[in-house]
């Protein structure tokens, strides 16, 4: 197993475990020097699925694999009711 630096993961393409392209990693959220979650810039085709938000926070527990790409559990996708839009320059 090869350990990656966070800087190597920024910009990685994110896919769901069902193979759908979801977006790109923008940054890691840290809590007490541990990764708590990932800020993902959502791809245009997925915005309608999550009520038009341009970015979401995915808790680290829903990340299934990190390599050349990111794989997240489809269960991690927020519903329109629990949606947390990520502020920033979008």
Protein backbone atom coordinates (compact mmCIF):
# COMPACT_ATOMS: atom_id res chain seq x y z
CA UNK A 1 0.00 0.00 0.00
CA UNK A 2 1.34 3.41 -1.01
CA UNK A 3 0.55 6.37 1.22
CA UNK A 4 -0.39 9.56 -0.61
CA UNK A 5 0.12 13.11 0.55
CA UNK A 6 -2.96 15.31 0.61
CA UNK A 7 -1.32 17.57 -1.97
CA UNK A 8 -1.16 14.59 -4.37
CA UNK A 9 -4.91 14.03 -4.04
CA UNK A 10 -6.06 17.60 -4.69
CA UNK A 11 -7.53 17.75 -8.18
CA UNK A 12 -8.13 13.99 -8.36
CA UNK A 13 -11.24 12.88 -10.23
CA UNK A 14 -14.01 11.53 -7.97
CA UNK A 15 -16.26 8.64 -8.98
CA UNK A 16 -19.11 6.92 -7.15
CA UNK A 17 -18.85 3.21 -6.43
CA UNK A 18 -21.37 2.69 -9.25
CA UNK A 19 -18.89 4.23 -11.73
CA UNK A 20 -20.45 7.67 -12.21
CA UNK A 21 -18.13 10.67 -12.51
CA UNK A 22 -18.94 12.98 -9.58
CA UNK A 23 -16.35 15.78 -9.64
CA UNK A 24 -12.87 16.71 -8.38
CA UNK A 25 -11.25 16.96 -4.96
CA UNK A 26 -10.71 20.59 -3.93
CA UNK A 27 -9.39 20.24 -0.40
CA UNK A 28 -9.24 18.09 2.71
CA UNK A 29 -10.96 19.10 5.94
CA UNK A 30 -8.81 18.29 8.95
CA UNK A 31 -9.85 17.84 12.56
CA UNK A 32 -7.10 17.32 15.13
CA UNK A 33 -4.59 16.40 12.38
CA UNK A 34 -6.89 13.72 10.93
CA UNK A 35 -8.90 13.89 7.73
CA UNK A 36 -12.52 14.54 8.61
CA UNK A 37 -13.94 15.08 5.14
CA UNK A 38 -13.27 16.15 1.56
CA UNK A 39 -14.55 19.17 -0.31
CA UNK A 40 -15.58 18.07 -3.78
CA UNK A 41 -16.34 20.37 -6.72
CA UNK A 42 -19.34 18.70 -8.34
CA UNK A 43 -19.33 17.98 -12.09
CA UNK A 44 -21.98 19.77 -14.13
CA UNK A 45 -23.95 16.62 -14.94
CA UNK A 46 -24.29 15.78 -11.22
CA UNK A 47 -25.46 19.22 -10.05
CA UNK A 48 -29.08 18.45 -10.85
CA UNK A 49 -28.87 15.35 -8.66
CA UNK A 50 -27.91 17.48 -5.65
CA UNK A 51 -30.13 20.51 -6.26
CA UNK A 52 -27.62 22.55 -8.24
CA UNK A 53 -24.92 22.83 -5.57
CA UNK A 54 -21.44 23.33 -7.03
CA UNK A 55 -19.64 21.71 -4.15
CA UNK A 56 -20.25 19.35 -1.26
CA UNK A 57 -18.43 18.01 1.75
CA UNK A 58 -18.09 14.22 1.74
CA UNK A 59 -17.20 12.68 5.13
CA UNK A 60 -14.00 10.63 4.96
CA UNK A 61 -15.83 7.49 6.11
CA UNK A 62 -17.59 7.37 2.72
CA UNK A 63 -14.33 7.25 0.75
CA UNK A 64 -13.80 3.72 -0.51
CA UNK A 65 -10.48 4.16 -2.34
CA UNK A 66 -7.83 6.78 -3.01
CA UNK A 67 -5.35 6.25 -5.81
CA UNK A 68 -5.16 7.94 -9.20
CA UNK A 69 -8.89 8.52 -8.70
CA UNK A 70 -11.17 8.87 -5.68
CA UNK A 71 -14.00 6.38 -5.19
CA UNK A 72 -16.84 7.34 -2.87
CA UNK A 73 -19.91 5.45 -1.73
CA UNK A 74 -23.04 6.55 -3.55
CA UNK A 75 -24.64 6.67 -0.07
CA UNK A 76 -22.42 9.70 0.60
CA UNK A 77 -24.32 11.85 -1.88
CA UNK A 78 -26.42 14.36 0.02
CA UNK A 79 -30.16 14.43 -0.46
CA UNK A 80 -31.71 17.75 -1.41
CA UNK A 81 -32.98 18.10 2.19
CA UNK A 82 -29.63 17.59 3.90
CA UNK A 83 -27.58 19.46 1.33
CA UNK A 84 -24.67 21.54 2.55
CA UNK A 85 -23.48 23.87 -0.19
CA UNK A 86 -19.82 24.73 -0.06
CA UNK A 87 -19.11 28.48 -0.12
CA UNK A 88 -16.36 29.75 -2.34
CA UNK A 89 -15.58 30.96 -5.81
CA UNK A 90 -17.81 28.94 -8.10
